[in-house]
Amino acid sequence: MEMFEGLPNIVKMALSQTIWLFLLAALFIPLERIFPLHRQPTRRPQLLIDLVYYYTTTLIPTVVLAFPLAVAASTARYFVPDGYYIWIMGLPIWLQIIFAFVVGDFGSYWAHRAMHEVPWLWRFHATHHDPVRMDWLINSRANPIDIIFTRMAGLTLMVVLGFGSVGSGSGSAIPLYALFAGAVWAFFIHSNIRWNLGWLGHVVSTPHFHHWHHSRDDHVNHNYAAILPVYDRLFGTFHAPKGVWPPSYGIAPENQPEVLIAARYEDAPADKPAKDQA
């Protein structure tokens, strides 16, 4: 924007994220008041902490990911035939965007799943599952390493497969479109809104679908997909019983990272077996 001209890039990014924060708040706070799943106040404990997380999880990954993604795109050009990229660039832009979402969500599904199933990665991801209540801003409660890892998995697949890695024009911005749409959708599925979107909930993730991912005790390690639940159906991690919501959120004591790491690497006693983490 012209109003930001002359400012350092990091300051421009921070100001841009502040504008988006106000827009997101203007959208989700009224929705959570009109269609609440749980009656709960907007002002709550740790709200300031989540606002800090909002800036760290948007600014740090953006800066860190630029270089490795550029390297991945350049490296792919040496191994992938030019004819493939020409074919991709010849597709309608709307079809490229759909394909980008499909391959990107595939990558982020497996990265997200690894964050739960590998104890040392779970140590970073557990920050996101600590909250015992859900609302739109909980989406920001995450360790930057968590965000970098999952975004890298999805965006690398996009650029290696030619979505935004070559050429110019609107097609080169496809990863940005996907990242923006995915970010807004992530705030939506964390929100305290009692929606499952009817038949559309079979196609895309919803608050009902994702709230089960944050369940404290019941069916943990399910619903990893950020946007496309089909991956959870394909790989056996889908759980979204119709009309039923999780009874509680957060991390059970036996699923805390330090407990799981001890059980995996320090030969925990047999009477304290490691369980699936949240």
Protein backbone atom coordinates (compact mmCIF):
# COMPACT_ATOMS: atom_id res chain seq x y z
CA MET A 1 0.00 0.00 0.00
CA GLU A 2 1.15 3.55 -0.72
CA MET A 3 0.71 4.55 2.93
CA PHE A 4 3.49 2.09 3.84
CA GLU A 5 6.00 3.36 1.26
CA GLY A 6 9.41 4.15 2.71
CA LEU A 7 8.99 1.92 5.75
CA PRO A 8 11.20 -1.12 6.42
CA ASN A 9 9.68 -4.36 5.11
CA ILE A 10 9.25 -5.85 8.57
CA VAL A 11 7.32 -2.76 9.68
CA LYS A 12 5.15 -2.94 6.55
CA MET A 13 4.40 -6.58 7.31
CA ALA A 14 3.49 -5.79 10.92
CA LEU A 15 1.16 -2.96 9.89
CA SER A 16 -0.44 -5.17 7.24
CA GLN A 17 -1.01 -7.92 9.81
CA THR A 18 -2.56 -5.37 12.19
CA ILE A 19 -5.07 -4.38 9.53
CA TRP A 20 -5.90 -8.04 8.92
CA LEU A 21 -6.29 -8.59 12.66
CA PHE A 22 -8.95 -5.89 12.85
CA LEU A 23 -10.73 -7.30 9.79
CA LEU A 24 -10.69 -10.83 11.23
CA ALA A 25 -11.98 -9.56 14.57
CA ALA A 26 -14.74 -7.61 12.82
CA LEU A 27 -15.80 -10.81 11.07
CA PHE A 28 -15.48 -13.50 13.73
CA ILE A 29 -16.39 -11.74 16.97
CA PRO A 30 -19.96 -10.99 15.78
CA LEU A 31 -20.32 -14.50 14.33
CA GLU A 32 -19.25 -16.05 17.62
CA ARG A 33 -21.79 -13.90 19.46
CA ILE A 34 -24.64 -14.72 17.06
CA PHE A 35 -23.93 -18.43 16.46
CA PRO A 36 -21.99 -19.57 19.55
CA LEU A 37 -21.17 -23.18 20.25
CA HIS A 38 -20.36 -22.30 23.87
CA ARG A 39 -21.45 -19.20 25.74
CA GLN A 40 -18.14 -17.55 26.62
CA PRO A 41 -16.80 -14.00 26.84
CA THR A 42 -14.75 -12.45 24.05
CA ARG A 43 -12.30 -10.99 26.54
CA ARG A 44 -10.66 -13.94 28.23
CA PRO A 45 -7.49 -15.04 30.02
CA GLN A 46 -4.39 -15.23 27.79
CA LEU A 47 -5.96 -13.03 25.12
CA LEU A 48 -2.86 -10.83 25.10
CA ILE A 49 -0.64 -13.92 24.76
CA ASP A 50 -2.61 -15.05 21.72
CA LEU A 51 -2.24 -11.61 20.16
CA VAL A 52 1.54 -11.91 20.56
CA TYR A 53 1.37 -15.35 18.96
CA TYR A 54 -0.64 -13.84 16.10
CA TYR A 55 2.26 -11.62 15.11
CA THR A 56 5.03 -14.17 15.67
CA THR A 57 3.26 -16.90 13.69
CA THR A 58 2.59 -14.60 10.75
CA LEU A 59 5.83 -12.62 10.56
CA ILE A 60 8.51 -15.22 11.40
CA PRO A 61 7.36 -18.00 9.01
CA THR A 62 6.94 -15.50 6.17
CA VAL A 63 10.55 -14.37 6.52
CA VAL A 64 12.00 -17.83 7.11
CA LEU A 65 10.17 -19.67 4.31
CA ALA A 66 11.03 -17.35 1.42
CA PHE A 67 14.55 -18.68 0.84
CA PRO A 68 13.98 -22.47 1.13
CA LEU A 69 10.91 -22.27 -1.12
CA ALA A 70 12.91 -20.40 -3.75
CA VAL A 71 15.65 -23.06 -3.53
CA ALA A 72 13.08 -25.86 -3.85
CA ALA A 73 11.56 -24.25 -6.94
CA SER A 74 14.93 -23.69 -8.58
CA THR A 75 16.14 -27.21 -7.80
CA ALA A 76 12.97 -28.75 -9.22
CA ARG A 77 13.67 -27.11 -12.60
CA TYR A 78 16.72 -29.38 -13.00
CA PHE A 79 14.74 -32.58 -12.53
CA VAL A 80 11.25 -31.86 -13.88
CA PRO A 81 10.86 -31.61 -17.68
CA ASP A 82 10.07 -28.17 -19.03
CA GLY A 83 7.14 -29.64 -20.91
CA TYR A 84 5.42 -30.43 -17.63
CA TYR A 85 5.67 -26.83 -16.44
CA ILE A 86 4.44 -25.55 -19.80
CA TRP A 87 1.42 -27.85 -19.47
CA ILE A 88 0.72 -26.62 -15.93
CA MET A 89 0.96 -22.98 -16.99
CA GLY A 90 -1.48 -23.67 -19.83
CA LEU A 91 -4.23 -24.81 -17.46
CA PRO A 92 -7.01 -22.36 -16.54
CA ILE A 93 -6.05 -20.39 -13.46
CA TRP A 94 -9.05 -21.70 -11.51
CA LEU A 95 -7.96 -25.28 -12.17
CA GLN A 96 -4.39 -24.49 -11.11
CA ILE A 97 -5.72 -23.10 -7.83
CA ILE A 98 -7.78 -26.23 -7.18
CA PHE A 99 -4.81 -28.50 -7.93
CA ALA A 100 -2.59 -26.35 -5.70
CA PHE A 101 -5.00 -26.76 -2.80
CA VAL A 102 -5.15 -30.52 -3.34
CA VAL A 103 -1.39 -31.04 -3.36
CA GLY A 104 -0.71 -28.42 -0.69
CA ASP A 105 -3.21 -29.91 1.73
CA PHE A 106 -1.73 -33.35 1.11
CA GLY A 107 1.66 -32.09 2.25
CA SER A 108 0.32 -30.22 5.26
CA TYR A 109 -1.79 -33.25 6.27
CA TRP A 110 1.28 -35.45 6.65
CA ALA A 111 3.34 -32.72 8.30
CA HIS A 112 0.52 -32.08 10.78
CA ARG A 113 0.17 -35.79 11.42
CA ALA A 114 3.91 -36.07 12.07
CA MET A 115 3.60 -33.24 14.56
CA HIS A 116 1.27 -35.45 16.58
CA GLU A 117 2.91 -38.82 16.13
CA VAL A 118 6.60 -37.92 16.55
CA PRO A 119 7.17 -36.99 20.22
CA TRP A 120 9.88 -34.38 19.68
CA LEU A 121 7.75 -32.65 17.03
CA TRP A 122 4.70 -32.87 19.30
CA ARG A 123 6.68 -30.81 21.81
CA PHE A 124 6.43 -27.85 19.38
CA HIS A 125 2.85 -28.52 18.29
CA ALA A 126 1.50 -29.04 21.81
CA THR A 127 1.44 -25.27 22.30
CA HIS A 128 -1.46 -25.14 19.86
CA HIS A 129 -3.44 -27.74 21.81
CA ASP A 130 -2.95 -26.25 25.29
CA PRO A 131 -6.10 -24.06 25.29
CA VAL A 132 -9.13 -25.57 27.03
CA ARG A 133 -11.58 -23.42 25.06
CA MET A 134 -11.91 -22.65 21.37
CA ASP A 135 -12.35 -19.39 19.51
CA TRP A 136 -11.07 -17.85 16.28
CA LEU A 137 -7.87 -16.43 17.81
CA ILE A 138 -6.78 -19.84 19.13
CA ASN A 139 -5.65 -20.47 15.57
CA SER A 140 -2.68 -18.18 16.29
CA ARG A 141 -1.59 -20.06 19.42
CA ALA A 142 1.33 -21.94 17.89
CA ASN A 143 5.09 -22.26 18.03
CA PRO A 144 6.63 -20.64 14.91
CA ILE A 145 8.59 -23.85 14.25
CA ASP A 146 5.26 -25.69 14.05
CA ILE A 147 3.94 -23.25 11.44
CA ILE A 148 7.19 -23.29 9.44
CA PHE A 149 7.23 -27.10 9.33
CA THR A 150 3.63 -27.57 8.19
CA ARG A 151 3.61 -24.68 5.72
CA MET A 152 6.93 -25.79 4.26
CA ALA A 153 5.50 -29.24 3.57
CA GLY A 154 2.47 -27.90 1.72
CA LEU A 155 4.09 -25.00 -0.12
CA THR A 156 7.09 -27.05 -1.22
CA LEU A 157 4.79 -29.50 -3.00
CA MET A 158 3.02 -26.60 -4.68
CA VAL A 159 6.13 -24.94 -6.07
CA VAL A 160 7.90 -28.19 -7.01
CA LEU A 161 4.84 -29.28 -8.97
CA GLY A 162 4.79 -25.97 -10.82
CA PHE A 163 2.10 -23.99 -9.05
CA GLY A 164 3.64 -20.54 -8.80
CA SER A 165 7.25 -21.62 -9.21
CA VAL A 166 7.71 -20.67 -12.85
CA GLY A 167 6.51 -18.06 -15.28
CA SER A 168 4.84 -14.80 -14.41
CA GLY A 169 1.41 -13.28 -14.19
CA SER A 170 -1.48 -14.44 -12.02
CA GLY A 171 -0.34 -18.06 -12.00
CA SER A 172 2.91 -17.21 -10.20
CA ALA A 173 0.93 -15.97 -7.19
CA ILE A 174 -1.00 -19.21 -6.64
CA PRO A 175 0.90 -20.15 -3.44
CA LEU A 176 0.02 -16.72 -2.05
CA TYR A 177 -3.65 -17.23 -2.92
CA ALA A 178 -3.60 -20.64 -1.27
CA LEU A 179 -1.76 -19.34 1.80
CA PHE A 180 -4.17 -16.45 2.24
CA ALA A 181 -7.32 -18.54 1.77
CA GLY A 182 -5.94 -21.28 4.02
CA ALA A 183 -5.09 -18.78 6.76
CA VAL A 184 -8.58 -17.25 6.78
CA TRP A 185 -10.14 -20.72 6.77
CA ALA A 186 -7.95 -21.75 9.70
CA PHE A 187 -9.40 -18.93 11.81
CA PHE A 188 -12.88 -20.08 10.81
CA ILE A 189 -12.47 -23.75 11.78
CA HIS A 190 -11.09 -22.77 15.20
CA SER A 191 -13.94 -20.37 15.88
CA ASN A 192 -16.59 -20.82 18.54
CA ILE A 193 -19.30 -21.16 15.91
CA ARG A 194 -21.81 -24.02 15.88
CA TRP A 195 -21.59 -24.74 12.15
CA ASN A 196 -20.92 -27.91 10.19
CA LEU A 197 -22.01 -26.46 6.78
CA GLY A 198 -24.31 -29.37 5.88
CA TRP A 199 -23.27 -31.28 2.75
CA LEU A 200 -20.34 -28.90 2.22
CA GLY A 201 -18.84 -30.30 5.42
CA HIS A 202 -18.10 -33.50 3.49
CA VAL A 203 -15.91 -31.51 1.10
CA VAL A 204 -14.13 -28.94 3.27
CA SER A 205 -13.15 -28.72 6.92
CA THR A 206 -15.56 -27.04 9.35
CA PRO A 207 -15.54 -25.95 13.00
CA HIS A 208 -17.31 -29.23 13.85
CA PHE A 209 -14.60 -31.22 12.06
CA HIS A 210 -11.66 -29.34 13.53
CA HIS A 211 -12.95 -29.02 17.07
CA TRP A 212 -12.70 -32.81 17.27
CA HIS A 213 -9.02 -32.43 16.45
CA HIS A 214 -8.66 -30.43 19.67
CA SER A 215 -10.52 -32.98 21.82
CA ARG A 216 -8.83 -33.57 25.16
CA ASP A 217 -9.71 -37.21 25.81
CA ASP A 218 -12.05 -38.52 23.13
CA HIS A 219 -10.66 -39.60 19.72
CA VAL A 220 -7.37 -37.74 19.88
CA ASN A 221 -5.09 -37.89 16.81
CA HIS A 222 -7.86 -37.37 14.27
CA ASN A 223 -8.82 -34.77 11.65
CA TYR A 224 -5.42 -33.49 10.54
CA ALA A 225 -6.48 -31.94 7.23
CA ALA A 226 -6.52 -28.16 7.13
CA ILE A 227 -9.07 -27.86 4.32
CA LEU A 228 -9.84 -31.22 2.67
CA PRO A 229 -11.19 -33.93 5.04
CA VAL A 230 -10.89 -36.47 2.23
CA TYR A 231 -7.31 -37.11 3.35
CA ASP A 232 -8.48 -38.11 6.81
CA ARG A 233 -11.03 -40.43 5.25
CA LEU A 234 -8.40 -41.97 2.98
CA PHE A 235 -5.82 -42.51 5.71
CA GLY A 236 -8.11 -43.57 8.56
CA THR A 237 -7.96 -40.48 10.78
CA PHE A 238 -11.47 -39.09 10.23
CA HIS A 239 -13.81 -38.59 13.19
CA ALA A 240 -16.75 -36.18 13.07
CA PRO A 241 -19.92 -37.75 14.52
CA LYS A 242 -22.99 -35.91 13.32
CA GLY A 243 -24.45 -33.52 15.87
CA VAL A 244 -21.86 -34.37 18.54
CA TRP A 245 -19.10 -32.00 19.65
CA PRO A 246 -16.04 -32.72 21.83
CA PRO A 247 -16.83 -32.73 25.57
CA SER A 248 -13.57 -30.95 26.42
CA TYR A 249 -10.47 -29.40 24.85
CA GLY A 250 -6.78 -29.32 25.71
CA ILE A 251 -4.14 -31.96 26.48
CA ALA A 252 -4.67 -34.81 28.92
CA PRO A 253 -1.85 -35.25 31.49
CA GLU A 254 -0.67 -38.52 29.96
CA ASN A 255 -0.34 -36.81 26.56
CA GLN A 256 1.92 -33.97 27.66
CA PRO A 257 5.09 -33.85 25.51
CA GLU A 258 7.47 -34.54 28.37
CA VAL A 259 5.52 -37.67 29.34
CA LEU A 260 5.53 -39.04 25.81
CA ILE A 261 9.19 -38.25 25.24
CA ALA A 262 10.10 -39.95 28.49
CA ALA A 263 8.05 -42.99 27.55
CA ARG A 264 9.65 -43.20 24.12
CA TYR A 265 13.28 -42.44 24.88
CA GLU A 266 13.84 -43.05 28.58
CA ASP A 267 12.27 -46.50 29.00
CA ALA A 268 9.29 -45.34 31.03
CA PRO A 269 7.95 -47.93 33.54
CA ALA A 270 5.54 -50.48 32.13
CA ASP A 271 2.73 -49.20 34.33
CA LYS A 272 2.92 -45.79 32.58
CA PRO A 273 2.49 -46.60 28.90
CA ALA A 274 2.63 -43.88 26.31
CA LYS A 275 -0.77 -43.04 24.88
CA ASP A 276 -1.74 -41.22 21.71
CA GLN A 277 -1.17 -37.54 22.12
CA ALA A 278 -3.87 -34.96 21.57
